Amino acid sequence: MIGGLVAGRLAAAPSSRIAKNGNTYATCRLRCSVGDEPAMVNGIAFNSNVVQQLLALGEGDAVALSGELEISRTWTDREGNVRPSINMKIFALLTEYHVKRKREAMAEKDKSSKPATTEAEPGLDDSEQLKSLQF
């Protein structure tokens, strides 16, 4: 198993399917690049939370996928270049929404953890101001 983190944009909206055992899974195609070379990653997710998150996304959405990578075969693009076919069993994903929500939560945490500031009393120097503060 090769663990990997791949980031890119969805080439199409993810699709939902039902396995023989009745469980729902999702598949997607991620357009990304390795240096200047384009690459496609075929993803499949079985975890119900990851499936729901993936199905909430649409074509062109930016996403980072974490999971198990497998390079199984090659394909030829329109210009005749041979490209690897990369498959990923997705264990977790991160979107712009997740990053924004995390940043907002961290900003709120920073605000609440800062000590309250007090107004300076006029006419007192710094050492007298420090003596007047009560901890």
C-alpha atoms as a PDB file:
ATOM      1  CA  MET A   1       0.000   0.000   0.000  1.00  0.00           C
ATOM      2  CA  ILE A   2       1.156   3.497  -0.835  1.00  0.00           C
ATOM      3  CA  GLY A   3      -0.409   6.200   1.322  1.00  0.00           C
ATOM      4  CA  GLY A   4      -0.845   9.463  -0.492  1.00  0.00           C
ATOM      5  CA  LEU A   5      -2.267  12.954  -0.484  1.00  0.00           C
ATOM      6  CA  VAL A   6      -3.444  14.253  -3.847  1.00  0.00           C
ATOM      7  CA  ALA A   7      -4.866  17.706  -4.551  1.00  0.00           C
ATOM      8  CA  GLY A   8      -6.616  18.978  -7.643  1.00  0.00           C
ATOM      9  CA  ARG A   9     -10.013  19.761  -9.144  1.00  0.00           C
ATOM     10  CA  LEU A  10     -12.832  17.364  -9.869  1.00  0.00           C
ATOM     11  CA  ALA A  11     -13.040  16.549 -13.581  1.00  0.00           C
ATOM     12  CA  ALA A  12     -16.762  15.758 -13.207  1.00  0.00           C
ATOM     13  CA  ALA A  13     -19.329  15.587 -10.443  1.00  0.00           C
ATOM     14  CA  PRO A  14     -18.766  12.531  -8.207  1.00  0.00           C
ATOM     15  CA  SER A  15     -21.233   9.703  -8.692  1.00  0.00           C
ATOM     16  CA  SER A  16     -22.954   7.427  -6.216  1.00  0.00           C
ATOM     17  CA  ARG A  17     -23.318   3.695  -6.659  1.00  0.00           C
ATOM     18  CA  ILE A  18     -24.675   0.793  -4.646  1.00  0.00           C
ATOM     19  CA  ALA A  19     -22.536  -2.280  -3.995  1.00  0.00           C
ATOM     20  CA  LYS A  20     -23.857  -5.856  -4.096  1.00  0.00           C
ATOM     21  CA  ASN A  21     -24.045  -5.822  -0.288  1.00  0.00           C
ATOM     22  CA  GLY A  22     -26.357  -2.773  -0.409  1.00  0.00           C
ATOM     23  CA  ASN A  23     -23.815  -0.215   0.811  1.00  0.00           C
ATOM     24  CA  THR A  24     -23.437   3.089  -1.006  1.00  0.00           C
ATOM     25  CA  TYR A  25     -20.056   4.158  -2.344  1.00  0.00           C
ATOM     26  CA  ALA A  26     -18.873   7.100  -4.423  1.00  0.00           C
ATOM     27  CA  THR A  27     -16.466   7.472  -7.315  1.00  0.00           C
ATOM     28  CA  CYS A  28     -14.739  10.534  -8.724  1.00  0.00           C
ATOM     29  CA  ARG A  29     -12.065  11.674 -11.158  1.00  0.00           C
ATOM     30  CA  LEU A  30      -9.571  14.250  -9.964  1.00  0.00           C
ATOM     31  CA  ARG A  31      -7.623  16.390 -12.413  1.00  0.00           C
ATOM     32  CA  CYS A  32      -4.210  17.271 -10.985  1.00  0.00           C
ATOM     33  CA  SER A  33      -0.650  17.724 -12.164  1.00  0.00           C
ATOM     34  CA  VAL A  34       2.776  16.349 -11.457  1.00  0.00           C
ATOM     35  CA  GLY A  35       5.083  19.248 -12.215  1.00  0.00           C
ATOM     36  CA  ASP A  36       3.959  20.481 -15.622  1.00  0.00           C
ATOM     37  CA  GLU A  37       2.410  17.135 -16.566  1.00  0.00           C
ATOM     38  CA  PRO A  38      -1.362  16.631 -16.225  1.00  0.00           C
ATOM     39  CA  ALA A  39      -2.560  13.578 -14.339  1.00  0.00           C
ATOM     40  CA  MET A  40      -5.918  12.001 -13.508  1.00  0.00           C
ATOM     41  CA  VAL A  41      -6.707  10.171 -10.307  1.00  0.00           C
ATOM     42  CA  ASN A  42      -9.687   7.817 -10.136  1.00  0.00           C
ATOM     43  CA  GLY A  43     -11.075   7.820  -6.602  1.00  0.00           C
ATOM     44  CA  ILE A  44     -13.443   5.534  -4.743  1.00  0.00           C
ATOM     45  CA  ALA A  45     -14.813   6.070  -1.231  1.00  0.00           C
ATOM     46  CA  PHE A  46     -16.628   3.554   0.961  1.00  0.00           C
ATOM     47  CA  ASN A  47     -16.824   5.347   4.334  1.00  0.00           C
ATOM     48  CA  SER A  48     -20.310   6.866   4.641  1.00  0.00           C
ATOM     49  CA  ASN A  49     -19.039  10.238   5.921  1.00  0.00           C
ATOM     50  CA  VAL A  50     -16.515  10.536   3.100  1.00  0.00           C
ATOM     51  CA  VAL A  51     -19.156   9.440   0.562  1.00  0.00           C
ATOM     52  CA  GLN A  52     -21.536  12.203   1.737  1.00  0.00           C
ATOM     53  CA  GLN A  53     -18.782  14.831   1.665  1.00  0.00           C
ATOM     54  CA  LEU A  54     -17.676  13.762  -1.794  1.00  0.00           C
ATOM     55  CA  LEU A  55     -21.206  13.748  -3.225  1.00  0.00           C
ATOM     56  CA  ALA A  56     -21.724  17.323  -1.977  1.00  0.00           C
ATOM     57  CA  LEU A  57     -19.027  18.495  -4.399  1.00  0.00           C
ATOM     58  CA  GLY A  58     -19.394  19.340  -8.078  1.00  0.00           C
ATOM     59  CA  GLU A  59     -17.328  19.531 -11.224  1.00  0.00           C
ATOM     60  CA  GLY A  60     -14.374  21.909 -10.889  1.00  0.00           C
ATOM     61  CA  ASP A  61     -14.379  21.985  -7.077  1.00  0.00           C
ATOM     62  CA  ALA A  62     -10.932  21.980  -5.483  1.00  0.00           C
ATOM     63  CA  VAL A  63     -10.289  19.052  -3.144  1.00  0.00           C
ATOM     64  CA  ALA A  64      -7.427  17.224  -1.439  1.00  0.00           C
ATOM     65  CA  LEU A  65      -7.827  13.462  -1.120  1.00  0.00           C
ATOM     66  CA  SER A  66      -5.991  11.203   1.303  1.00  0.00           C
ATOM     67  CA  GLY A  67      -5.883   7.464   0.943  1.00  0.00           C
ATOM     68  CA  GLU A  68      -4.323   4.386  -0.570  1.00  0.00           C
ATOM     69  CA  LEU A  69      -2.738   4.886  -4.016  1.00  0.00           C
ATOM     70  CA  GLU A  70      -2.347   2.298  -6.747  1.00  0.00           C
ATOM     71  CA  ILE A  71      -0.748   2.803 -10.151  1.00  0.00           C
ATOM     72  CA  SER A  72      -2.372   0.100 -12.218  1.00  0.00           C
ATOM     73  CA  ARG A  73      -1.984   0.857 -15.908  1.00  0.00           C
ATOM     74  CA  THR A  74      -1.285   3.590 -18.441  1.00  0.00           C
ATOM     75  CA  TRP A  75      -3.390   5.527 -20.919  1.00  0.00           C
ATOM     76  CA  THR A  76      -2.613   7.631 -23.992  1.00  0.00           C
ATOM     77  CA  ASP A  77      -3.761  11.252 -24.196  1.00  0.00           C
ATOM     78  CA  ARG A  78      -4.906  13.076 -27.353  1.00  0.00           C
ATOM     79  CA  GLU A  79      -1.356  14.104 -28.202  1.00  0.00           C
ATOM     80  CA  GLY A  80      -0.107  10.505 -28.000  1.00  0.00           C
ATOM     81  CA  ASN A  81       1.651  10.863 -24.636  1.00  0.00           C
ATOM     82  CA  VAL A  82       1.537   7.854 -22.338  1.00  0.00           C
ATOM     83  CA  ARG A  83       0.209   8.742 -18.862  1.00  0.00           C
ATOM     84  CA  PRO A  84      -0.082   6.649 -15.703  1.00  0.00           C
ATOM     85  CA  SER A  85      -3.524   5.683 -14.432  1.00  0.00           C
ATOM     86  CA  ILE A  86      -3.687   6.326 -10.703  1.00  0.00           C
ATOM     87  CA  ASN A  87      -6.415   4.854  -8.498  1.00  0.00           C
ATOM     88  CA  MET A  88      -7.096   5.905  -4.922  1.00  0.00           C
ATOM     89  CA  LYS A  89      -9.170   4.382  -2.166  1.00  0.00           C
ATOM     90  CA  ILE A  90     -10.204   7.593  -0.387  1.00  0.00           C
ATOM     91  CA  PHE A  91     -10.086   7.637   3.419  1.00  0.00           C
ATOM     92  CA  ALA A  92     -10.464  11.401   3.972  1.00  0.00           C
ATOM     93  CA  LEU A  93     -10.913  14.603   2.022  1.00  0.00           C
ATOM     94  CA  LEU A  94     -10.369  18.290   2.581  1.00  0.00           C
ATOM     95  CA  THR A  95     -12.085  21.105   0.691  1.00  0.00           C
ATOM     96  CA  GLU A  96     -11.922  24.897   0.704  1.00  0.00           C
ATOM     97  CA  TYR A  97     -14.957  24.826   2.993  1.00  0.00           C
ATOM     98  CA  HIS A  98     -13.102  22.730   5.587  1.00  0.00           C
ATOM     99  CA  VAL A  99     -10.089  25.070   5.505  1.00  0.00           C
ATOM    100  CA  LYS A 100     -12.274  28.181   5.872  1.00  0.00           C
ATOM    101  CA  ARG A 101     -14.201  26.639   8.771  1.00  0.00           C
ATOM    102  CA  LYS A 102     -10.964  25.623  10.538  1.00  0.00           C
ATOM    103  CA  ARG A 103      -9.483  29.105  10.107  1.00  0.00           C
ATOM    104  CA  GLU A 104     -12.630  30.716  11.522  1.00  0.00           C
ATOM    105  CA  ALA A 105     -12.578  28.345  14.502  1.00  0.00           C
ATOM    106  CA  MET A 106      -8.916  29.125  15.163  1.00  0.00           C
ATOM    107  CA  ALA A 107      -9.590  32.870  14.943  1.00  0.00           C
ATOM    108  CA  GLU A 108     -12.419  32.531  17.482  1.00  0.00           C
ATOM    109  CA  LYS A 109     -10.137  30.514  19.754  1.00  0.00           C
ATOM    110  CA  ASP A 110      -7.430  33.191  19.505  1.00  0.00           C
ATOM    111  CA  LYS A 111      -9.944  35.910  20.395  1.00  0.00           C
ATOM    112  CA  SER A 112     -11.195  34.053  23.454  1.00  0.00           C
ATOM    113  CA  SER A 113      -7.717  33.116  24.725  1.00  0.00           C
ATOM    114  CA  LYS A 114      -6.298  36.651  24.677  1.00  0.00           C
ATOM    115  CA  PRO A 115      -6.390  38.431  28.043  1.00  0.00           C
ATOM    116  CA  ALA A 116      -8.767  41.345  28.353  1.00  0.00           C
ATOM    117  CA  THR A 117      -7.125  44.695  27.790  1.00  0.00           C
ATOM    118  CA  THR A 118      -7.654  47.555  30.150  1.00  0.00           C
ATOM    119  CA  GLU A 119      -7.719  51.219  29.388  1.00  0.00           C
ATOM    120  CA  ALA A 120      -4.707  53.188  30.532  1.00  0.00           C
ATOM    121  CA  GLU A 121      -5.317  55.498  33.440  1.00  0.00           C
ATOM    122  CA  PRO A 122      -4.330  59.024  32.548  1.00  0.00           C
ATOM    123  CA  GLY A 123      -1.293  60.412  34.341  1.00  0.00           C
ATOM    124  CA  LEU A 124       0.230  57.044  35.352  1.00  0.00           C
ATOM    125  CA  ASP A 125       3.520  55.770  33.942  1.00  0.00           C
ATOM    126  CA  ASP A 126       4.008  52.117  32.879  1.00  0.00           C
ATOM    127  CA  SER A 127       5.223  50.851  36.261  1.00  0.00           C
ATOM    128  CA  GLU A 128       2.286  52.469  38.066  1.00  0.00           C
ATOM    129  CA  GLN A 129      -0.102  51.029  35.456  1.00  0.00           C
ATOM    130  CA  LEU A 130       1.255  47.520  36.094  1.00  0.00           C
ATOM    131  CA  LYS A 131       0.771  47.946  39.869  1.00  0.00           C
ATOM    132  CA  SER A 132      -2.853  48.982  39.323  1.00  0.00           C
ATOM    133  CA  LEU A 133      -3.705  45.759  37.399  1.00  0.00           C
ATOM    134  CA  GLN A 134      -5.221  43.004  39.484  1.00  0.00           C
ATOM    135  CA  PHE A 135      -4.639  39.388  38.522  1.00  0.00           C
END
